[in-house]
Amino acid sequence: LLERAGIPIAAPSANISGRPSPTTAEDVYNDMKGRISYILDAGPCTIGVESTVVEVHDDKVIILRPGGITKAQLENVVATVEYDTALVNAATKPKAPGMKYTHYAPDAPMTVVVGSPEAIACTFKELSEGIEGPIGCLVSRETYDLIKGNTDFMCHCFGHHGDALALGHDFYKSLLHFNENHVTLILAEGVDDDGFGVAIMNRMEKASSHHIIYK
């Protein structure tokens, strides 16, 4: 579209605010059918989470919303890069879109657990006790190997433990899959809060309404 237009284009995101973001043309159709006339399908998103939003000053860049471009990458071209205080202080009013309220949330309540595969598997089993209905689990292959015998778990494996890029690629896709299957609870494996993991944990925090357990 940009190549054919030959001019700058400003447009809203292809999703309804407050829901998990679509990362494929099919997901866009399911979210927006009846509201839009056309969909241009260029294949699934490669990164899987929204863009990095920054505020630029003469001598520094402030990250308002972490995304696909990390702080370290920005530091390759800018001397001073900082995170907006709203990212660490809930009392501070955020400036970036999608940061002002609970966003990206699935239909079912969600809890994120960060730790070793063994600690995550143990915590998942504890959190699932007494829960009726299917439980959606977004996990690494290592954690899956520890919980795959539980018939109540509907598992989506994103890749290897700690792989933030793989988790980001599959994050919204898994939430939409769990919505379609009407799970009663979502348990998700988080990653370290550094590099691209900052963006992933930011989305997980919002999707889970800040229900994050560190083990």
N, C-alpha and C. Protein backbone atom coordinates (compact mmCIF):
# COMPACT_ATOMS: atom_id res chain seq x y z
N LEU A 1 0.83 -1.20 0.00
CA LEU A 1 0.00 0.00 0.00
C LEU A 1 0.87 1.26 0.00
N LEU A 2 1.91 1.27 0.82
CA LEU A 2 2.80 2.43 0.88
C LEU A 2 3.52 2.63 -0.45
N GLU A 3 3.96 1.53 -1.06
CA GLU A 3 4.68 1.63 -2.33
C GLU A 3 3.76 2.15 -3.43
N ARG A 4 2.51 1.68 -3.47
CA ARG A 4 1.57 2.12 -4.51
C ARG A 4 1.13 3.57 -4.28
N ALA A 5 0.95 3.96 -3.00
CA ALA A 5 0.45 5.30 -2.70
C ALA A 5 1.49 6.36 -3.03
N GLY A 6 2.74 6.11 -2.68
CA GLY A 6 3.79 7.07 -2.96
C GLY A 6 3.76 8.31 -2.09
N ILE A 7 2.95 8.31 -1.04
CA ILE A 7 2.85 9.43 -0.10
C ILE A 7 2.79 8.87 1.31
N PRO A 8 3.10 9.68 2.32
CA PRO A 8 2.97 9.21 3.71
C PRO A 8 1.51 8.88 4.03
N ILE A 9 1.31 7.85 4.85
CA ILE A 9 -0.04 7.44 5.23
C ILE A 9 -0.13 7.36 6.76
N ALA A 10 -1.16 7.96 7.30
CA ALA A 10 -1.46 7.85 8.74
C ALA A 10 -2.78 7.12 8.88
N ALA A 11 -2.82 6.10 9.71
CA ALA A 11 -4.03 5.30 9.84
C ALA A 11 -4.08 4.63 11.22
N PRO A 12 -5.27 4.29 11.69
CA PRO A 12 -5.37 3.58 12.97
C PRO A 12 -4.98 2.11 12.82
N SER A 13 -4.80 1.44 13.94
CA SER A 13 -4.48 0.02 13.92
C SER A 13 -5.67 -0.78 13.41
N ALA A 14 -5.40 -1.97 12.87
CA ALA A 14 -6.45 -2.82 12.30
C ALA A 14 -7.04 -3.72 13.37
N ASN A 15 -7.54 -3.12 14.43
CA ASN A 15 -8.16 -3.91 15.49
C ASN A 15 -9.09 -3.02 16.31
N ILE A 16 -9.98 -3.66 17.06
CA ILE A 16 -10.86 -2.94 17.97
C ILE A 16 -10.14 -2.82 19.31
N SER A 17 -10.06 -1.61 19.82
CA SER A 17 -9.31 -1.35 21.04
C SER A 17 -9.81 -2.18 22.22
N GLY A 18 -8.85 -2.66 23.01
CA GLY A 18 -9.19 -3.42 24.21
C GLY A 18 -9.12 -4.92 24.06
N ARG A 19 -8.99 -5.41 22.84
CA ARG A 19 -8.91 -6.85 22.59
C ARG A 19 -7.48 -7.24 22.20
N PRO A 20 -7.17 -8.54 22.25
CA PRO A 20 -5.87 -8.96 21.74
C PRO A 20 -5.69 -8.54 20.29
N SER A 21 -4.52 -8.05 19.95
CA SER A 21 -4.30 -7.52 18.61
C SER A 21 -4.20 -8.64 17.57
N PRO A 22 -4.81 -8.46 16.40
CA PRO A 22 -4.67 -9.46 15.34
C PRO A 22 -3.29 -9.39 14.71
N THR A 23 -2.75 -10.54 14.35
CA THR A 23 -1.44 -10.59 13.70
C THR A 23 -1.49 -11.30 12.35
N THR A 24 -2.70 -11.66 11.90
CA THR A 24 -2.90 -12.24 10.57
C THR A 24 -4.12 -11.58 9.94
N ALA A 25 -4.23 -11.71 8.63
CA ALA A 25 -5.39 -11.15 7.92
C ALA A 25 -6.68 -11.81 8.40
N GLU A 26 -6.62 -13.10 8.69
CA GLU A 26 -7.80 -13.81 9.18
C GLU A 26 -8.26 -13.24 10.51
N ASP A 27 -7.31 -12.95 11.40
CA ASP A 27 -7.66 -12.37 12.69
C ASP A 27 -8.27 -10.98 12.53
N VAL A 28 -7.73 -10.20 11.57
CA VAL A 28 -8.29 -8.88 11.30
C VAL A 28 -9.74 -9.01 10.83
N TYR A 29 -9.99 -9.96 9.94
CA TYR A 29 -11.35 -10.17 9.44
C TYR A 29 -12.30 -10.54 10.58
N ASN A 30 -11.87 -11.45 11.46
CA ASN A 30 -12.74 -11.87 12.56
C ASN A 30 -13.03 -10.72 13.52
N ASP A 31 -12.07 -9.80 13.66
CA ASP A 31 -12.23 -8.68 14.57
C ASP A 31 -13.03 -7.53 13.94
N MET A 32 -12.85 -7.32 12.63
CA MET A 32 -13.37 -6.12 11.98
C MET A 32 -14.45 -6.37 10.94
N LYS A 33 -14.91 -7.62 10.77
CA LYS A 33 -15.89 -7.89 9.72
C LYS A 33 -17.15 -7.04 9.92
N GLY A 34 -17.62 -6.50 8.81
CA GLY A 34 -18.77 -5.62 8.85
C GLY A 34 -18.41 -4.16 9.08
N ARG A 35 -17.14 -3.89 9.41
CA ARG A 35 -16.71 -2.52 9.69
C ARG A 35 -15.79 -1.96 8.61
N ILE A 36 -15.16 -2.86 7.81
CA ILE A 36 -14.21 -2.43 6.79
C ILE A 36 -14.55 -3.10 5.47
N SER A 37 -14.10 -2.49 4.38
CA SER A 37 -14.44 -2.99 3.04
C SER A 37 -13.39 -3.93 2.46
N TYR A 38 -12.12 -3.72 2.81
CA TYR A 38 -11.05 -4.50 2.19
C TYR A 38 -9.98 -4.87 3.23
N ILE A 39 -9.29 -5.96 2.94
CA ILE A 39 -8.11 -6.35 3.71
C ILE A 39 -7.00 -6.67 2.73
N LEU A 40 -5.83 -6.06 2.91
CA LEU A 40 -4.65 -6.39 2.12
C LEU A 40 -3.83 -7.38 2.93
N ASP A 41 -3.68 -8.59 2.42
CA ASP A 41 -3.00 -9.66 3.15
C ASP A 41 -1.56 -9.79 2.69
N ALA A 42 -0.63 -9.35 3.54
CA ALA A 42 0.80 -9.48 3.24
C ALA A 42 1.44 -10.57 4.08
N GLY A 43 0.62 -11.47 4.62
CA GLY A 43 1.15 -12.53 5.46
C GLY A 43 1.13 -12.16 6.93
N PRO A 44 1.44 -13.11 7.81
CA PRO A 44 1.41 -12.84 9.25
C PRO A 44 2.49 -11.86 9.68
N CYS A 45 2.24 -11.15 10.77
CA CYS A 45 3.23 -10.22 11.32
C CYS A 45 4.49 -10.99 11.73
N THR A 46 5.63 -10.42 11.48
CA THR A 46 6.88 -11.10 11.81
C THR A 46 7.27 -10.91 13.27
N ILE A 47 6.97 -9.76 13.87
CA ILE A 47 7.35 -9.50 15.26
C ILE A 47 6.24 -9.91 16.22
N GLY A 48 5.02 -9.49 15.96
CA GLY A 48 3.91 -9.98 16.76
C GLY A 48 3.36 -9.03 17.80
N VAL A 49 4.09 -7.95 18.13
CA VAL A 49 3.56 -6.95 19.05
C VAL A 49 3.66 -5.57 18.38
N GLU A 50 2.96 -4.61 18.99
CA GLU A 50 2.88 -3.29 18.39
C GLU A 50 4.23 -2.58 18.36
N SER A 51 4.28 -1.50 17.61
CA SER A 51 5.51 -0.76 17.39
C SER A 51 5.99 -0.03 18.65
N THR A 52 7.27 0.31 18.63
CA THR A 52 7.84 1.15 19.67
C THR A 52 7.42 2.60 19.41
N VAL A 53 6.94 3.27 20.44
CA VAL A 53 6.57 4.69 20.34
C VAL A 53 7.55 5.50 21.18
N VAL A 54 8.13 6.55 20.58
CA VAL A 54 9.11 7.35 21.30
C VAL A 54 8.77 8.83 21.24
N GLU A 55 9.32 9.55 22.19
CA GLU A 55 9.26 11.02 22.20
C GLU A 55 10.70 11.50 22.02
N VAL A 56 10.92 12.37 21.03
CA VAL A 56 12.27 12.79 20.68
C VAL A 56 12.55 14.20 21.19
N HIS A 57 13.65 14.34 21.92
CA HIS A 57 14.13 15.64 22.37
C HIS A 57 15.47 15.92 21.69
N ASP A 58 16.02 17.09 21.91
CA ASP A 58 17.27 17.46 21.25
C ASP A 58 18.40 16.49 21.58
N ASP A 59 18.46 16.05 22.84
CA ASP A 59 19.61 15.26 23.27
C ASP A 59 19.26 13.85 23.74
N LYS A 60 17.99 13.45 23.63
CA LYS A 60 17.63 12.11 24.09
C LYS A 60 16.31 11.65 23.47
N VAL A 61 16.08 10.36 23.61
CA VAL A 61 14.82 9.73 23.17
C VAL A 61 14.17 9.07 24.38
N ILE A 62 12.89 9.28 24.55
CA ILE A 62 12.15 8.66 25.64
C ILE A 62 11.19 7.63 25.05
N ILE A 63 11.30 6.39 25.52
CA ILE A 63 10.42 5.32 25.04
C ILE A 63 9.10 5.40 25.78
N LEU A 64 8.03 5.71 25.04
CA LEU A 64 6.69 5.81 25.64
C LEU A 64 5.98 4.46 25.64
N ARG A 65 6.25 3.67 24.61
CA ARG A 65 5.68 2.32 24.52
C ARG A 65 6.75 1.39 23.96
N PRO A 66 7.19 0.39 24.73
CA PRO A 66 8.19 -0.55 24.22
C PRO A 66 7.59 -1.42 23.14
N GLY A 67 8.39 -1.76 22.14
CA GLY A 67 7.89 -2.58 21.03
C GLY A 67 9.02 -3.31 20.35
N GLY A 68 8.89 -3.49 19.05
CA GLY A 68 9.84 -4.27 18.28
C GLY A 68 11.24 -3.69 18.25
N ILE A 69 11.36 -2.37 18.32
CA ILE A 69 12.68 -1.73 18.37
C ILE A 69 13.05 -1.56 19.84
N THR A 70 14.14 -2.17 20.27
CA THR A 70 14.51 -2.19 21.68
C THR A 70 15.33 -0.95 22.08
N LYS A 71 15.46 -0.77 23.38
CA LYS A 71 16.27 0.34 23.92
C LYS A 71 17.72 0.22 23.44
N ALA A 72 18.27 -0.99 23.43
CA ALA A 72 19.65 -1.18 22.99
C ALA A 72 19.83 -0.79 21.52
N GLN A 73 18.85 -1.09 20.68
CA GLN A 73 18.95 -0.72 19.27
C GLN A 73 18.92 0.80 19.10
N LEU A 74 18.08 1.47 19.87
CA LEU A 74 18.02 2.93 19.80
C LEU A 74 19.33 3.56 20.28
N GLU A 75 19.95 2.92 21.27
CA GLU A 75 21.21 3.44 21.81
C GLU A 75 22.35 3.35 20.80
N ASN A 76 22.17 2.59 19.73
CA ASN A 76 23.18 2.53 18.67
C ASN A 76 23.22 3.82 17.85
N VAL A 77 22.14 4.60 17.91
CA VAL A 77 22.08 5.83 17.10
C VAL A 77 21.81 7.08 17.92
N VAL A 78 21.43 6.91 19.20
CA VAL A 78 21.14 8.05 20.06
C VAL A 78 21.93 7.88 21.36
N ALA A 79 22.54 8.94 21.83
CA ALA A 79 23.40 8.85 23.01
C ALA A 79 22.61 8.51 24.27
N THR A 80 21.45 9.12 24.45
CA THR A 80 20.66 8.93 25.67
C THR A 80 19.27 8.42 25.33
N VAL A 81 18.93 7.25 25.87
CA VAL A 81 17.61 6.66 25.67
C VAL A 81 17.06 6.28 27.04
N GLU A 82 15.84 6.73 27.34
CA GLU A 82 15.22 6.46 28.63
C GLU A 82 13.81 5.91 28.43
N TYR A 83 13.32 5.18 29.44
CA TYR A 83 11.92 4.75 29.45
C TYR A 83 11.07 5.82 30.10
N ASP A 84 9.88 6.02 29.59
CA ASP A 84 8.94 6.95 30.20
C ASP A 84 8.61 6.49 31.62
N THR A 85 8.48 7.43 32.54
CA THR A 85 8.20 7.08 33.93
C THR A 85 6.87 6.34 34.08
N ALA A 86 5.94 6.52 33.13
CA ALA A 86 4.65 5.85 33.20
C ALA A 86 4.78 4.34 33.06
N LEU A 87 5.90 3.86 32.51
CA LEU A 87 6.09 2.42 32.35
C LEU A 87 6.40 1.73 33.67
N VAL A 88 6.89 2.50 34.64
CA VAL A 88 7.23 1.91 35.94
C VAL A 88 6.43 2.50 37.08
N ASN A 89 5.69 3.56 36.81
CA ASN A 89 4.89 4.21 37.85
C ASN A 89 3.45 4.32 37.37
N ALA A 90 2.58 3.51 37.95
CA ALA A 90 1.18 3.47 37.52
C ALA A 90 0.46 4.79 37.77
N ALA A 91 0.98 5.60 38.67
CA ALA A 91 0.33 6.87 38.99
C ALA A 91 0.60 7.95 37.95
N THR A 92 1.59 7.70 37.07
CA THR A 92 1.94 8.66 36.03
C THR A 92 1.10 8.42 34.79
N LYS A 93 0.54 9.48 34.24
CA LYS A 93 -0.32 9.36 33.06
C LYS A 93 0.51 9.05 31.82
N PRO A 94 0.24 7.92 31.14
CA PRO A 94 1.01 7.58 29.93
C PRO A 94 0.62 8.45 28.75
N LYS A 95 1.54 8.58 27.81
CA LYS A 95 1.31 9.42 26.64
C LYS A 95 1.03 8.62 25.37
N ALA A 96 1.45 7.36 25.35
CA ALA A 96 1.36 6.57 24.12
C ALA A 96 0.03 5.85 24.00
N PRO A 97 -0.41 5.55 22.76
CA PRO A 97 -1.65 4.79 22.57
C PRO A 97 -1.54 3.38 23.11
N GLY A 98 -2.67 2.85 23.62
CA GLY A 98 -2.69 1.50 24.13
C GLY A 98 -2.07 1.36 25.50
N MET A 99 -1.73 2.48 26.15
CA MET A 99 -1.06 2.43 27.44
C MET A 99 -1.92 3.05 28.54
N LYS A 100 -3.10 3.52 28.21
CA LYS A 100 -3.88 4.31 29.17
C LYS A 100 -4.89 3.50 29.98
N TYR A 101 -5.04 2.21 29.66
CA TYR A 101 -6.02 1.39 30.37
C TYR A 101 -5.68 -0.07 30.12
N THR A 102 -6.42 -0.96 30.77
CA THR A 102 -6.20 -2.38 30.52
C THR A 102 -6.43 -2.66 29.04
N HIS A 103 -5.43 -3.20 28.39
CA HIS A 103 -5.47 -3.35 26.93
C HIS A 103 -4.99 -4.74 26.57
N TYR A 104 -5.28 -5.15 25.37
CA TYR A 104 -4.82 -6.44 24.84
C TYR A 104 -5.41 -7.63 25.62
N ALA A 105 -6.47 -7.42 26.39
CA ALA A 105 -6.92 -8.46 27.32
C ALA A 105 -7.75 -9.55 26.62
N PRO A 106 -7.50 -10.81 26.96
CA PRO A 106 -8.34 -11.91 26.46
C PRO A 106 -9.65 -11.97 27.24
N ASP A 107 -10.53 -12.86 26.83
CA ASP A 107 -11.83 -12.98 27.51
C ASP A 107 -11.70 -13.58 28.91
N ALA A 108 -10.84 -14.57 29.06
CA ALA A 108 -10.66 -15.26 30.34
C ALA A 108 -9.64 -14.53 31.21
N PRO A 109 -9.74 -14.64 32.54
CA PRO A 109 -8.70 -14.07 33.40
C PRO A 109 -7.37 -14.74 33.12
N MET A 110 -6.30 -13.99 33.28
CA MET A 110 -4.98 -14.48 32.90
C MET A 110 -3.96 -14.21 34.00
N THR A 111 -3.08 -15.17 34.25
CA THR A 111 -1.98 -15.02 35.19
C THR A 111 -0.68 -15.38 34.48
N VAL A 112 0.33 -14.56 34.68
CA VAL A 112 1.65 -14.79 34.08
C VAL A 112 2.61 -15.25 35.17
N VAL A 113 3.42 -16.25 34.86
CA VAL A 113 4.41 -16.75 35.81
C VAL A 113 5.79 -16.68 35.15
N VAL A 114 6.75 -16.10 35.87
CA VAL A 114 8.12 -15.96 35.38
C VAL A 114 9.04 -16.76 36.30
N GLY A 115 9.87 -17.61 35.73
CA GLY A 115 10.79 -18.42 36.52
C GLY A 115 11.35 -19.55 35.69
N SER A 116 11.89 -20.55 36.34
CA SER A 116 12.40 -21.73 35.65
C SER A 116 11.23 -22.58 35.18
N PRO A 117 11.43 -23.44 34.18
CA PRO A 117 10.34 -24.32 33.74
C PRO A 117 9.77 -25.15 34.88
N GLU A 118 10.61 -25.62 35.77
CA GLU A 118 10.14 -26.42 36.91
C GLU A 118 9.25 -25.61 37.83
N ALA A 119 9.66 -24.37 38.13
CA ALA A 119 8.87 -23.50 39.00
C ALA A 119 7.55 -23.11 38.34
N ILE A 120 7.61 -22.86 37.05
CA ILE A 120 6.39 -22.48 36.31
C ILE A 120 5.41 -23.64 36.29
N ALA A 121 5.90 -24.84 35.98
CA ALA A 121 5.03 -26.02 35.93
C ALA A 121 4.37 -26.26 37.28
N CYS A 122 5.12 -26.14 38.35
CA CYS A 122 4.58 -26.35 39.70
C CYS A 122 3.51 -25.30 40.02
N THR A 123 3.78 -24.05 39.66
CA THR A 123 2.83 -22.97 39.93
C THR A 123 1.56 -23.14 39.10
N PHE A 124 1.70 -23.53 37.84
CA PHE A 124 0.53 -23.78 37.00
C PHE A 124 -0.38 -24.83 37.63
N LYS A 125 0.22 -25.90 38.15
CA LYS A 125 -0.57 -26.97 38.76
C LYS A 125 -1.30 -26.46 39.99
N GLU A 126 -0.64 -25.61 40.78
CA GLU A 126 -1.28 -25.04 41.96
C GLU A 126 -2.44 -24.11 41.58
N LEU A 127 -2.22 -23.26 40.58
CA LEU A 127 -3.24 -22.31 40.16
C LEU A 127 -4.43 -22.97 39.49
N SER A 128 -4.23 -24.15 38.94
CA SER A 128 -5.31 -24.84 38.22
C SER A 128 -6.20 -25.68 39.13
N GLU A 129 -5.80 -25.86 40.36
CA GLU A 129 -6.58 -26.69 41.28
C GLU A 129 -7.95 -26.08 41.53
N GLY A 130 -8.98 -26.89 41.35
CA GLY A 130 -10.35 -26.44 41.59
C GLY A 130 -10.98 -25.67 40.45
N ILE A 131 -10.24 -25.45 39.35
CA ILE A 131 -10.77 -24.71 38.20
C ILE A 131 -11.54 -25.67 37.30
N GLU A 132 -12.78 -25.31 36.98
CA GLU A 132 -13.59 -26.13 36.09
C GLU A 132 -13.49 -25.59 34.66
N GLY A 133 -13.41 -26.50 33.71
CA GLY A 133 -13.32 -26.11 32.31
C GLY A 133 -11.88 -26.09 31.84
N PRO A 134 -11.69 -25.93 30.53
CA PRO A 134 -10.33 -25.96 29.96
C PRO A 134 -9.50 -24.76 30.41
N ILE A 135 -8.21 -24.98 30.56
CA ILE A 135 -7.28 -23.93 30.97
C ILE A 135 -6.26 -23.74 29.85
N GLY A 136 -6.18 -22.54 29.33
CA GLY A 136 -5.23 -22.26 28.27
C GLY A 136 -3.85 -22.01 28.85
N CYS A 137 -2.84 -22.66 28.30
CA CYS A 137 -1.46 -22.50 28.79
C CYS A 137 -0.55 -22.08 27.64
N LEU A 138 0.07 -20.93 27.78
CA LEU A 138 1.05 -20.44 26.82
C LEU A 138 2.42 -20.71 27.41
N VAL A 139 3.14 -21.68 26.89
CA VAL A 139 4.35 -22.16 27.54
C VAL A 139 5.48 -22.46 26.56
N SER A 140 6.69 -22.55 27.11
CA SER A 140 7.83 -22.99 26.32
C SER A 140 7.78 -24.51 26.18
N ARG A 141 8.60 -25.04 25.30
CA ARG A 141 8.64 -26.49 25.11
C ARG A 141 9.10 -27.19 26.37
N GLU A 142 10.05 -26.54 27.09
CA GLU A 142 10.57 -27.15 28.31
C GLU A 142 9.49 -27.26 29.38
N THR A 143 8.67 -26.23 29.53
CA THR A 143 7.59 -26.27 30.51
C THR A 143 6.49 -27.23 30.05
N TYR A 144 6.22 -27.25 28.77
CA TYR A 144 5.20 -28.16 28.24
C TYR A 144 5.53 -29.61 28.57
N ASP A 145 6.80 -29.98 28.47
CA ASP A 145 7.20 -31.36 28.76
C ASP A 145 6.89 -31.74 30.21
N LEU A 146 6.77 -30.74 31.09
CA LEU A 146 6.50 -31.00 32.50
C LEU A 146 5.02 -31.03 32.85
N ILE A 147 4.17 -30.47 31.97
CA ILE A 147 2.74 -30.38 32.29
C ILE A 147 1.84 -31.10 31.28
N LYS A 148 2.43 -31.68 30.23
CA LYS A 148 1.63 -32.22 29.14
C LYS A 148 0.71 -33.36 29.55
N GLY A 149 0.92 -33.96 30.72
CA GLY A 149 0.04 -35.04 31.16
C GLY A 149 -1.27 -34.55 31.74
N ASN A 150 -1.40 -33.25 31.97
CA ASN A 150 -2.63 -32.70 32.55
C ASN A 150 -3.66 -32.49 31.44
N THR A 151 -4.74 -33.24 31.49
CA THR A 151 -5.75 -33.20 30.42
C THR A 151 -6.58 -31.93 30.44
N ASP A 152 -6.53 -31.16 31.54
CA ASP A 152 -7.29 -29.90 31.62
C ASP A 152 -6.58 -28.76 30.90
N PHE A 153 -5.29 -28.96 30.59
CA PHE A 153 -4.50 -27.90 29.98
C PHE A 153 -4.61 -27.95 28.46
N MET A 154 -4.96 -26.81 27.86
CA MET A 154 -4.91 -26.63 26.41
C MET A 154 -3.67 -25.80 26.12
N CYS A 155 -2.61 -26.44 25.64
CA CYS A 155 -1.30 -25.80 25.58
C CYS A 155 -0.97 -25.24 24.20
N HIS A 156 -0.34 -24.08 24.21
CA HIS A 156 0.26 -23.49 23.00
C HIS A 156 1.74 -23.26 23.32
N CYS A 157 2.62 -23.94 22.59
CA CYS A 157 4.07 -23.81 22.81
C CYS A 157 4.62 -22.73 21.89
N PHE A 158 5.31 -21.75 22.47
CA PHE A 158 5.83 -20.65 21.65
C PHE A 158 7.27 -20.89 21.19
N GLY A 159 7.99 -21.80 21.83
CA GLY A 159 9.39 -22.02 21.49
C GLY A 159 10.15 -22.41 22.74
N HIS A 160 11.44 -22.11 22.79
CA HIS A 160 12.25 -22.49 23.93
C HIS A 160 12.13 -21.49 25.07
N HIS A 161 12.37 -21.97 26.28
CA HIS A 161 12.29 -21.15 27.49
C HIS A 161 13.17 -19.91 27.37
N GLY A 162 12.58 -18.74 27.66
CA GLY A 162 13.33 -17.49 27.63
C GLY A 162 13.42 -16.82 26.27
N ASP A 163 12.85 -17.41 25.24
CA ASP A 163 12.92 -16.85 23.89
C ASP A 163 11.84 -15.79 23.72
N ALA A 164 12.18 -14.53 24.00
CA ALA A 164 11.21 -13.45 23.96
C ALA A 164 10.67 -13.21 22.54
N LEU A 165 11.52 -13.37 21.53
CA LEU A 165 11.08 -13.16 20.15
C LEU A 165 10.01 -14.17 19.75
N ALA A 166 10.21 -15.43 20.12
CA ALA A 166 9.22 -16.46 19.80
C ALA A 166 7.93 -16.23 20.56
N LEU A 167 8.05 -15.83 21.83
CA LEU A 167 6.86 -15.55 22.63
C LEU A 167 6.08 -14.38 22.05
N GLY A 168 6.80 -13.31 21.67
CA GLY A 168 6.13 -12.16 21.07
C GLY A 168 5.40 -12.51 19.80
N HIS A 169 6.01 -13.35 18.97
CA HIS A 169 5.40 -13.75 17.70
C HIS A 169 4.09 -14.50 17.93
N ASP A 170 4.02 -15.30 18.99
CA ASP A 170 2.85 -16.15 19.22
C ASP A 170 1.88 -15.60 20.26
N PHE A 171 2.22 -14.51 20.93
CA PHE A 171 1.44 -14.05 22.09
C PHE A 171 -0.02 -13.79 21.75
N TYR A 172 -0.28 -12.87 20.84
CA TYR A 172 -1.67 -12.53 20.53
C TYR A 172 -2.39 -13.68 19.84
N LYS A 173 -1.67 -14.39 19.00
CA LYS A 173 -2.27 -15.54 18.31
C LYS A 173 -2.79 -16.55 19.31
N SER A 174 -2.03 -16.80 20.37
CA SER A 174 -2.46 -17.77 21.38
C SER A 174 -3.68 -17.25 22.16
N LEU A 175 -3.69 -15.94 22.49
CA LEU A 175 -4.83 -15.39 23.23
C LEU A 175 -6.11 -15.48 22.41
N LEU A 176 -6.02 -15.19 21.12
CA LEU A 176 -7.20 -15.31 20.26
C LEU A 176 -7.65 -16.76 20.15
N HIS A 177 -6.69 -17.69 20.09
CA HIS A 177 -7.02 -19.12 20.06
C HIS A 177 -7.75 -19.53 21.33
N PHE A 178 -7.29 -19.05 22.47
CA PHE A 178 -7.95 -19.38 23.74
C PHE A 178 -9.35 -18.76 23.80
N ASN A 179 -9.51 -17.55 23.25
CA ASN A 179 -10.84 -16.93 23.18
C ASN A 179 -11.80 -17.81 22.38
N GLU A 180 -11.33 -18.28 21.24
CA GLU A 180 -12.17 -19.10 20.36
C GLU A 180 -12.60 -20.40 21.03
N ASN A 181 -11.76 -20.91 21.92
CA ASN A 181 -12.05 -22.18 22.59
C ASN A 181 -12.65 -22.00 23.98
N HIS A 182 -12.96 -20.75 24.33
CA HIS A 182 -13.70 -20.43 25.56
C HIS A 182 -13.07 -21.05 26.81
N VAL A 183 -11.76 -20.87 26.96
CA VAL A 183 -11.11 -21.37 28.17
C VAL A 183 -11.59 -20.55 29.37
N THR A 184 -11.50 -21.14 30.55
CA THR A 184 -11.95 -20.44 31.76
C THR A 184 -10.82 -19.69 32.46
N LEU A 185 -9.58 -20.04 32.13
CA LEU A 185 -8.41 -19.40 32.74
C LEU A 185 -7.24 -19.52 31.77
N ILE A 186 -6.39 -18.50 31.75
CA ILE A 186 -5.17 -18.55 30.94
C ILE A 186 -3.96 -18.43 31.86
N LEU A 187 -3.05 -19.37 31.72
CA LEU A 187 -1.78 -19.34 32.45
C LEU A 187 -0.68 -19.18 31.41
N ALA A 188 0.14 -18.15 31.58
CA ALA A 188 1.16 -17.85 30.56
C ALA A 188 2.54 -17.76 31.18
N GLU A 189 3.51 -18.25 30.46
CA GLU A 189 4.91 -18.20 30.87
C GLU A 189 5.55 -16.91 30.39
N GLY A 190 6.09 -16.12 31.32
CA GLY A 190 6.74 -14.88 30.96
C GLY A 190 8.23 -15.05 30.71
N VAL A 191 8.90 -13.94 30.43
CA VAL A 191 10.34 -13.94 30.15
C VAL A 191 11.01 -12.84 30.96
N ASP A 192 12.33 -12.80 30.93
CA ASP A 192 13.07 -11.75 31.63
C ASP A 192 12.72 -10.39 31.05
N ASP A 193 12.64 -9.41 31.91
CA ASP A 193 12.23 -8.06 31.53
C ASP A 193 13.43 -7.25 31.06
N ASP A 194 14.04 -7.69 29.95
CA ASP A 194 15.14 -6.94 29.34
C ASP A 194 15.11 -7.15 27.83
N GLY A 195 15.78 -6.26 27.09
CA GLY A 195 15.75 -6.37 25.63
C GLY A 195 14.34 -6.35 25.10
N PHE A 196 14.05 -7.23 24.16
CA PHE A 196 12.70 -7.32 23.60
C PHE A 196 11.72 -7.82 24.66
N GLY A 197 12.22 -8.45 25.72
CA GLY A 197 11.36 -8.91 26.81
C GLY A 197 10.62 -7.78 27.49
N VAL A 198 11.14 -6.56 27.43
CA VAL A 198 10.46 -5.41 28.03
C VAL A 198 9.10 -5.21 27.36
N ALA A 199 9.07 -5.27 26.02
CA ALA A 199 7.82 -5.10 25.28
C ALA A 199 6.85 -6.25 25.57
N ILE A 200 7.38 -7.48 25.62
CA ILE A 200 6.52 -8.64 25.86
C ILE A 200 5.89 -8.57 27.24
N MET A 201 6.70 -8.28 28.26
CA MET A 201 6.17 -8.23 29.61
C MET A 201 5.22 -7.05 29.79
N ASN A 202 5.43 -5.97 29.06
CA ASN A 202 4.49 -4.86 29.10
C ASN A 202 3.11 -5.30 28.60
N ARG A 203 3.08 -6.06 27.49
CA ARG A 203 1.80 -6.54 26.96
C ARG A 203 1.18 -7.59 27.89
N MET A 204 2.03 -8.45 28.46
CA MET A 204 1.53 -9.47 29.37
C MET A 204 0.94 -8.84 30.64
N GLU A 205 1.59 -7.79 31.10
CA GLU A 205 1.09 -7.10 32.29
C GLU A 205 -0.31 -6.56 32.05
N LYS A 206 -0.52 -5.95 30.89
CA LYS A 206 -1.83 -5.38 30.58
C LYS A 206 -2.87 -6.46 30.32
N ALA A 207 -2.48 -7.51 29.59
CA ALA A 207 -3.42 -8.58 29.28
C ALA A 207 -3.86 -9.33 30.53
N SER A 208 -2.99 -9.39 31.54
CA SER A 208 -3.30 -10.12 32.76
C SER A 208 -3.79 -9.23 33.89
N SER A 209 -4.00 -7.95 33.60
CA SER A 209 -4.39 -6.98 34.63
C SER A 209 -3.40 -6.99 35.79
N HIS A 210 -2.11 -7.07 35.46
CA HIS A 210 -1.00 -6.99 36.42
C HIS A 210 -0.89 -8.24 37.30
N HIS A 211 -1.47 -9.36 36.89
CA HIS A 211 -1.36 -10.61 37.65
C HIS A 211 -0.11 -11.36 37.19
N ILE A 212 1.05 -10.98 37.73
CA ILE A 212 2.32 -11.59 37.37
C ILE A 212 2.98 -12.14 38.63
N ILE A 213 3.41 -13.39 38.56
CA ILE A 213 4.07 -14.07 39.67
C ILE A 213 5.50 -14.36 39.28
N TYR A 214 6.44 -13.95 40.11
CA TYR A 214 7.86 -14.23 39.88
C TYR A 214 8.31 -15.34 40.84
N LYS A 215 8.86 -16.42 40.28
CA LYS A 215 9.27 -17.56 41.10
C LYS A 215 10.79 -17.71 41.09
